N, C-alpha and C. Protein backbone atom coordinates (compact mmCIF):
# COMPACT_ATOMS: atom_id res chain seq x y z
N MET A 1 8.69 -7.38 12.16
CA MET A 1 7.54 -7.29 11.30
C MET A 1 7.05 -8.55 11.03
N ALA A 2 7.89 -9.44 10.68
CA ALA A 2 7.47 -10.88 10.15
C ALA A 2 6.55 -11.46 11.01
N ALA A 3 7.10 -11.48 12.45
CA ALA A 3 6.16 -12.14 13.46
C ALA A 3 4.82 -11.44 13.56
N PHE A 4 4.69 -10.06 13.31
CA PHE A 4 3.29 -9.59 13.51
C PHE A 4 2.51 -9.94 12.28
N LEU A 5 3.12 -10.06 11.07
CA LEU A 5 2.31 -10.52 9.92
C LEU A 5 1.77 -11.92 10.15
N ARG A 6 2.77 -12.81 10.71
CA ARG A 6 2.27 -14.27 10.96
C ARG A 6 1.02 -14.32 11.88
N ARG A 7 1.08 -13.32 12.96
CA ARG A 7 0.09 -13.52 13.97
C ARG A 7 -1.19 -12.98 13.33
N ARG A 8 -1.21 -12.44 12.22
CA ARG A 8 -2.36 -12.00 11.60
C ARG A 8 -2.38 -12.59 10.26
N ALA A 9 -2.15 -13.74 10.11
CA ALA A 9 -1.91 -14.56 8.88
C ALA A 9 -3.05 -14.60 7.98
N ARG A 10 -4.22 -14.56 8.41
CA ARG A 10 -5.36 -14.62 7.64
C ARG A 10 -5.89 -13.28 7.10
N SER A 11 -5.44 -12.26 7.84
CA SER A 11 -5.89 -10.96 7.36
C SER A 11 -5.35 -10.31 6.10
N PRO A 12 -6.22 -9.54 5.44
CA PRO A 12 -5.48 -8.89 4.23
C PRO A 12 -4.42 -7.95 4.68
N ILE A 13 -3.48 -7.64 3.88
CA ILE A 13 -2.23 -6.84 4.29
C ILE A 13 -2.79 -5.38 4.40
N LYS A 14 -3.77 -4.99 3.43
CA LYS A 14 -4.18 -3.68 3.59
C LYS A 14 -4.86 -3.39 5.06
N ALA A 15 -5.45 -4.22 5.71
CA ALA A 15 -6.19 -4.17 6.95
C ALA A 15 -4.95 -4.16 7.98
N VAL A 16 -4.03 -5.07 7.90
CA VAL A 16 -2.88 -5.10 8.81
C VAL A 16 -2.14 -3.81 8.83
N LEU A 17 -2.00 -3.23 7.75
CA LEU A 17 -1.11 -1.96 7.76
C LEU A 17 -1.89 -0.80 8.34
N LEU A 18 -3.14 -0.91 8.47
CA LEU A 18 -3.97 0.15 9.13
C LEU A 18 -4.06 -0.08 10.63
N MET A 19 -3.35 -1.23 11.13
CA MET A 19 -3.48 -1.47 12.56
C MET A 19 -2.30 -0.48 13.32
N GLN A 20 -2.90 0.42 14.12
CA GLN A 20 -2.05 1.46 14.62
C GLN A 20 -1.08 1.07 15.70
N GLU A 21 -1.31 -0.01 16.18
CA GLU A 21 -0.57 -0.68 17.43
C GLU A 21 0.84 -1.10 16.78
N ARG A 22 0.87 -1.33 15.46
CA ARG A 22 2.18 -1.71 14.76
C ARG A 22 2.72 -0.56 13.80
N PHE A 23 1.64 -0.07 13.23
CA PHE A 23 2.02 0.99 12.15
C PHE A 23 1.24 2.35 12.43
N PRO A 24 1.77 2.86 13.54
CA PRO A 24 1.20 4.27 13.91
C PRO A 24 1.28 5.36 12.84
N GLY A 25 0.24 5.94 12.52
CA GLY A 25 0.30 7.18 11.69
C GLY A 25 -0.03 6.67 10.18
N ILE A 26 0.08 5.36 9.87
CA ILE A 26 -0.29 4.82 8.39
C ILE A 26 -1.85 4.81 8.22
N GLY A 27 -2.37 5.63 7.64
CA GLY A 27 -3.76 5.93 7.15
C GLY A 27 -3.98 5.16 5.90
N ASN A 28 -5.22 5.32 5.48
CA ASN A 28 -5.82 4.77 4.25
C ASN A 28 -5.13 4.97 3.05
N TRP A 29 -4.58 6.50 2.70
CA TRP A 29 -4.12 6.63 1.65
C TRP A 29 -2.58 6.19 1.42
N MET A 30 -1.96 6.22 2.71
CA MET A 30 -0.65 5.69 2.86
C MET A 30 -0.43 4.26 2.70
N ALA A 31 -1.56 3.56 3.16
CA ALA A 31 -1.41 2.03 3.02
C ALA A 31 -1.53 1.61 1.49
N ASP A 32 -2.47 2.40 0.83
CA ASP A 32 -2.54 2.23 -0.65
C ASP A 32 -1.24 2.46 -1.25
N GLU A 33 -0.65 3.62 -1.05
CA GLU A 33 0.47 4.08 -1.69
C GLU A 33 1.87 3.06 -1.34
N VAL A 34 1.75 2.62 -0.14
CA VAL A 34 2.74 1.66 0.23
C VAL A 34 2.66 0.32 -0.59
N LEU A 35 1.43 -0.25 -0.55
CA LEU A 35 1.19 -1.62 -1.36
C LEU A 35 1.39 -1.37 -2.83
N TRP A 36 1.12 -0.15 -3.41
CA TRP A 36 1.13 0.17 -4.92
C TRP A 36 2.65 0.26 -5.15
N ARG A 37 3.35 0.99 -4.37
CA ARG A 37 4.74 1.20 -4.62
C ARG A 37 5.62 -0.17 -4.62
N ALA A 38 5.24 -0.89 -3.54
CA ALA A 38 5.95 -2.29 -3.53
C ALA A 38 5.38 -3.19 -4.36
N GLY A 39 4.29 -3.07 -5.02
CA GLY A 39 3.52 -4.24 -5.90
C GLY A 39 2.92 -5.27 -5.32
N PHE A 40 2.34 -5.07 -4.16
CA PHE A 40 1.66 -6.02 -3.48
C PHE A 40 0.12 -5.87 -3.58
N HIS A 41 -0.73 -6.73 -3.80
CA HIS A 41 -2.17 -6.76 -3.93
C HIS A 41 -2.66 -6.44 -2.43
N PRO A 42 -3.61 -5.55 -2.37
CA PRO A 42 -4.15 -5.18 -0.95
C PRO A 42 -4.74 -6.40 -0.31
N LYS A 43 -5.34 -7.41 -1.05
CA LYS A 43 -6.06 -8.70 -0.60
C LYS A 43 -4.99 -9.74 -0.17
N ALA A 44 -3.80 -9.55 -0.36
CA ALA A 44 -2.73 -10.63 -0.12
C ALA A 44 -2.88 -10.97 1.44
N LYS A 45 -2.78 -12.17 1.75
CA LYS A 45 -2.93 -12.55 3.16
C LYS A 45 -1.49 -12.16 3.80
N ALA A 46 -1.58 -11.57 5.01
CA ALA A 46 -0.45 -11.07 5.74
C ALA A 46 0.64 -12.31 6.10
N GLY A 47 0.01 -13.52 6.22
CA GLY A 47 0.95 -14.48 6.50
C GLY A 47 1.56 -15.20 5.40
N ALA A 48 1.21 -14.82 4.13
CA ALA A 48 1.64 -15.37 2.94
C ALA A 48 3.14 -14.53 2.42
N PHE A 49 3.42 -13.62 3.24
CA PHE A 49 4.49 -12.82 2.91
C PHE A 49 5.81 -13.53 3.29
N GLY A 50 6.71 -13.59 2.24
CA GLY A 50 7.95 -14.38 2.43
C GLY A 50 9.10 -13.40 2.98
N PRO A 51 10.21 -13.75 3.10
CA PRO A 51 11.08 -13.01 3.84
C PRO A 51 11.52 -11.70 3.05
N LEU A 52 11.80 -12.07 1.50
CA LEU A 52 12.15 -10.98 0.58
C LEU A 52 10.96 -9.86 0.49
N ALA A 53 9.80 -10.32 0.66
CA ALA A 53 8.51 -9.43 0.49
C ALA A 53 8.41 -8.63 1.91
N VAL A 54 8.66 -9.32 2.91
CA VAL A 54 8.63 -8.53 4.42
C VAL A 54 9.58 -7.49 4.15
N ARG A 55 10.81 -7.63 3.74
CA ARG A 55 11.79 -6.60 3.76
C ARG A 55 11.50 -5.61 2.68
N ARG A 56 10.96 -5.88 1.50
CA ARG A 56 10.34 -4.92 0.71
C ARG A 56 9.37 -4.18 1.21
N LEU A 57 8.48 -4.69 1.98
CA LEU A 57 7.16 -3.98 2.51
C LEU A 57 7.90 -2.96 3.62
N HIS A 58 8.72 -3.50 4.39
CA HIS A 58 9.38 -2.52 5.45
C HIS A 58 10.15 -1.39 4.82
N ALA A 59 10.83 -1.63 3.81
CA ALA A 59 11.56 -0.53 3.13
C ALA A 59 10.55 0.37 2.45
N THR A 60 9.64 -0.11 1.89
CA THR A 60 8.51 0.80 1.15
C THR A 60 7.80 1.67 2.20
N LEU A 61 7.48 0.93 3.40
CA LEU A 61 6.80 1.76 4.28
C LEU A 61 7.62 3.03 4.80
N ARG A 62 8.88 2.82 4.97
CA ARG A 62 9.69 3.79 5.29
C ARG A 62 9.90 4.82 4.29
N GLU A 63 9.95 4.40 3.14
CA GLU A 63 10.11 5.24 1.86
C GLU A 63 9.03 6.29 1.84
N VAL A 64 7.69 5.67 1.91
CA VAL A 64 6.51 6.56 1.83
C VAL A 64 6.26 7.46 2.95
N CYS A 65 6.75 7.00 4.15
CA CYS A 65 6.68 7.87 5.34
C CYS A 65 7.68 9.09 5.18
N ARG A 66 8.86 8.74 4.79
CA ARG A 66 9.79 9.76 4.54
C ARG A 66 9.39 10.75 3.35
N ASP A 67 8.94 10.18 2.25
CA ASP A 67 8.37 11.06 1.28
C ASP A 67 7.29 11.90 1.57
N ALA A 68 6.34 11.34 2.34
CA ALA A 68 5.30 12.24 2.95
C ALA A 68 5.69 13.39 3.70
N LEU A 69 6.68 12.97 4.48
CA LEU A 69 7.15 14.14 5.45
C LEU A 69 7.67 15.30 4.54
N ARG A 70 8.65 14.76 3.66
CA ARG A 70 9.38 15.81 2.88
C ARG A 70 8.46 16.44 1.93
N VAL A 71 7.42 15.94 1.33
CA VAL A 71 6.57 16.52 0.18
C VAL A 71 5.43 17.38 0.85
N ILE A 72 4.68 16.56 1.72
CA ILE A 72 3.41 16.99 2.14
C ILE A 72 3.57 17.58 3.54
N GLY A 73 4.42 17.10 4.38
CA GLY A 73 4.62 17.71 5.74
C GLY A 73 5.26 18.93 5.81
N GLU A 74 6.04 19.38 4.76
CA GLU A 74 6.89 20.59 4.81
C GLU A 74 5.93 21.71 4.90
N ASP A 75 5.04 21.87 3.82
CA ASP A 75 4.03 22.89 3.57
C ASP A 75 2.84 22.54 2.89
N TRP A 76 2.34 21.21 3.14
CA TRP A 76 1.01 20.70 2.85
C TRP A 76 1.03 20.80 1.20
N SER A 77 2.14 20.65 0.56
CA SER A 77 2.09 20.63 -1.00
C SER A 77 1.31 19.40 -1.40
N ASP A 78 0.95 19.50 -2.62
CA ASP A 78 0.26 18.35 -3.09
C ASP A 78 1.37 17.28 -3.50
N PRO A 79 1.24 15.92 -3.38
CA PRO A 79 2.04 14.99 -3.97
C PRO A 79 2.34 15.08 -5.36
N PRO A 80 3.36 14.63 -5.91
CA PRO A 80 3.64 14.61 -7.29
C PRO A 80 2.70 13.72 -7.99
N ASP A 81 2.57 13.73 -9.42
CA ASP A 81 1.72 12.99 -10.05
C ASP A 81 2.28 11.54 -10.22
N SER A 82 3.42 11.40 -9.96
CA SER A 82 4.06 9.99 -10.01
C SER A 82 3.63 9.08 -8.84
N TRP A 83 2.78 9.58 -8.06
CA TRP A 83 2.41 8.93 -6.88
C TRP A 83 0.85 8.34 -7.08
N LEU A 84 0.50 7.35 -6.58
CA LEU A 84 -0.84 6.86 -6.71
C LEU A 84 -1.88 7.72 -6.22
N PHE A 85 -1.40 8.50 -5.14
CA PHE A 85 -2.25 9.49 -4.33
C PHE A 85 -3.21 10.41 -5.24
N ASN A 86 -2.52 10.92 -6.23
CA ASN A 86 -3.29 11.91 -7.01
C ASN A 86 -4.26 11.36 -8.17
N HIS A 87 -4.16 9.91 -8.20
CA HIS A 87 -4.93 9.24 -9.23
C HIS A 87 -6.01 8.26 -8.67
N ARG A 88 -5.98 8.02 -7.31
CA ARG A 88 -6.81 7.01 -6.69
C ARG A 88 -8.32 7.29 -6.71
N TRP A 89 -8.80 8.36 -6.92
CA TRP A 89 -10.28 8.67 -6.80
C TRP A 89 -10.73 9.40 -8.04
N GLU A 90 -9.88 9.52 -9.06
CA GLU A 90 -10.24 10.22 -10.24
C GLU A 90 -11.18 9.10 -10.89
N LYS A 91 -12.36 9.81 -11.55
CA LYS A 91 -13.21 9.01 -12.46
C LYS A 91 -12.38 8.38 -13.41
N GLY A 92 -12.37 7.22 -13.71
CA GLY A 92 -11.51 6.67 -14.87
C GLY A 92 -9.87 6.78 -14.63
N GLY A 93 -9.64 6.85 -13.28
CA GLY A 93 -8.29 6.99 -12.88
C GLY A 93 -7.26 5.82 -13.37
N ARG A 94 -6.09 6.20 -13.84
CA ARG A 94 -5.17 5.20 -14.29
C ARG A 94 -3.80 5.17 -13.44
N CYS A 95 -3.32 4.07 -13.51
CA CYS A 95 -1.93 3.86 -12.71
C CYS A 95 -1.07 4.79 -13.33
N PRO A 96 -0.19 5.51 -12.46
CA PRO A 96 0.71 6.38 -13.05
C PRO A 96 2.03 5.68 -13.57
N ARG A 97 2.16 4.47 -13.32
CA ARG A 97 3.30 3.58 -13.93
C ARG A 97 2.88 2.66 -15.01
N THR A 98 1.90 2.11 -14.90
CA THR A 98 1.48 1.11 -16.18
C THR A 98 0.54 1.78 -17.19
N ARG A 99 -0.27 2.91 -16.62
CA ARG A 99 -1.27 3.61 -17.32
C ARG A 99 -2.62 2.81 -17.60
N GLY A 100 -2.77 1.58 -16.73
CA GLY A 100 -3.67 0.78 -16.91
C GLY A 100 -4.80 1.26 -15.82
N PRO A 101 -5.97 0.89 -15.95
CA PRO A 101 -7.02 1.40 -15.12
C PRO A 101 -6.81 0.97 -13.61
N LEU A 102 -7.37 1.79 -12.73
CA LEU A 102 -7.26 1.51 -11.31
C LEU A 102 -8.38 0.71 -10.86
N SER A 103 -8.45 -0.20 -9.83
CA SER A 103 -9.46 -0.83 -9.28
C SER A 103 -9.83 -0.32 -7.90
N HIS A 104 -11.10 -0.54 -7.43
CA HIS A 104 -11.49 -0.05 -6.12
C HIS A 104 -12.39 -1.29 -5.34
N ALA A 105 -12.29 -1.36 -4.30
CA ALA A 105 -13.00 -2.38 -3.28
C ALA A 105 -12.87 -1.87 -1.99
N THR A 106 -13.83 -2.66 -1.04
CA THR A 106 -13.69 -2.42 0.13
C THR A 106 -12.84 -3.66 0.74
N ILE A 107 -11.87 -3.43 1.33
CA ILE A 107 -10.91 -4.38 1.93
C ILE A 107 -10.63 -4.02 3.46
N GLY A 108 -11.03 -5.10 4.38
CA GLY A 108 -10.88 -4.90 5.85
C GLY A 108 -11.73 -3.67 6.21
N GLY A 109 -12.80 -3.29 5.73
CA GLY A 109 -13.63 -2.28 6.06
C GLY A 109 -13.24 -0.87 5.59
N ARG A 110 -12.26 -0.95 4.80
CA ARG A 110 -11.84 0.35 4.27
C ARG A 110 -11.85 0.44 2.51
N THR A 111 -12.03 1.68 2.06
CA THR A 111 -12.17 1.53 0.58
C THR A 111 -10.62 1.61 0.24
N THR A 112 -10.36 0.96 -1.02
CA THR A 112 -8.85 0.57 -1.27
C THR A 112 -8.80 0.77 -2.83
N CYS A 113 -7.78 1.38 -3.28
CA CYS A 113 -7.54 1.55 -4.60
C CYS A 113 -6.12 0.74 -4.92
N TRP A 114 -6.22 0.07 -6.10
CA TRP A 114 -4.87 -0.78 -6.53
C TRP A 114 -4.90 -0.60 -8.15
N SER A 115 -3.58 -1.03 -8.67
CA SER A 115 -3.35 -1.16 -10.04
C SER A 115 -3.38 -2.68 -10.26
N PRO A 116 -4.38 -3.24 -10.86
CA PRO A 116 -4.29 -4.76 -11.30
C PRO A 116 -3.19 -5.12 -11.98
N ARG A 117 -2.54 -4.19 -12.95
CA ARG A 117 -1.45 -4.52 -13.78
C ARG A 117 -0.10 -4.64 -12.91
N ARG A 118 -0.01 -3.92 -11.83
CA ARG A 118 1.15 -3.70 -11.00
C ARG A 118 1.04 -4.58 -9.77
N GLN A 119 -0.15 -4.67 -9.24
CA GLN A 119 -0.18 -5.27 -7.88
C GLN A 119 -0.94 -6.63 -8.20
N VAL A 120 -0.23 -7.77 -8.34
CA VAL A 120 -0.74 -9.12 -8.52
C VAL A 120 -0.66 -9.99 -7.35
N LEU A 121 -1.75 -10.85 -7.03
CA LEU A 121 -1.84 -11.70 -5.96
C LEU A 121 -0.65 -12.70 -6.25
N GLY A 122 0.15 -13.03 -5.15
CA GLY A 122 1.20 -13.96 -5.23
C GLY A 122 2.52 -13.31 -5.20
N ALA A 123 2.62 -12.03 -5.48
CA ALA A 123 3.98 -11.27 -5.49
C ALA A 123 4.56 -11.31 -4.19
N GLU A 124 3.68 -11.56 -2.98
CA GLU A 124 4.02 -11.38 -1.61
C GLU A 124 4.75 -12.83 -1.22
N ARG A 125 4.75 -13.66 -2.03
CA ARG A 125 5.30 -15.15 -1.50
C ARG A 125 6.79 -15.35 -1.93
N ARG A 126 7.45 -14.14 -2.31
CA ARG A 126 8.80 -14.21 -2.23
C ARG A 126 9.61 -14.04 -1.04
């Protein structure tokens, strides 16, 4: 994964996670969920991820995929309110962990939601 991120060093990590050749099945909401759970800002450059951050990103990708299969994939149940998913498009939506307001922007051509209190640029450098 680290080599793939380096090859796309100047791309925002949100856009990289949506690249199906490396991350098949990861769509817009899953990319937001992964970055939110891992605490990485969606605008962070892929090439800025340090070794610990790459491991954390990989583990969180696996976790979100596993949780989605278990919760949604089984019978199309709604995700629990502890996930970003249920709050990402609410008017005045708040982060389920920090209770701070959520932000929205277009990154890599896709609408993106994140928690500014939780997802700070620079966390990826570890």
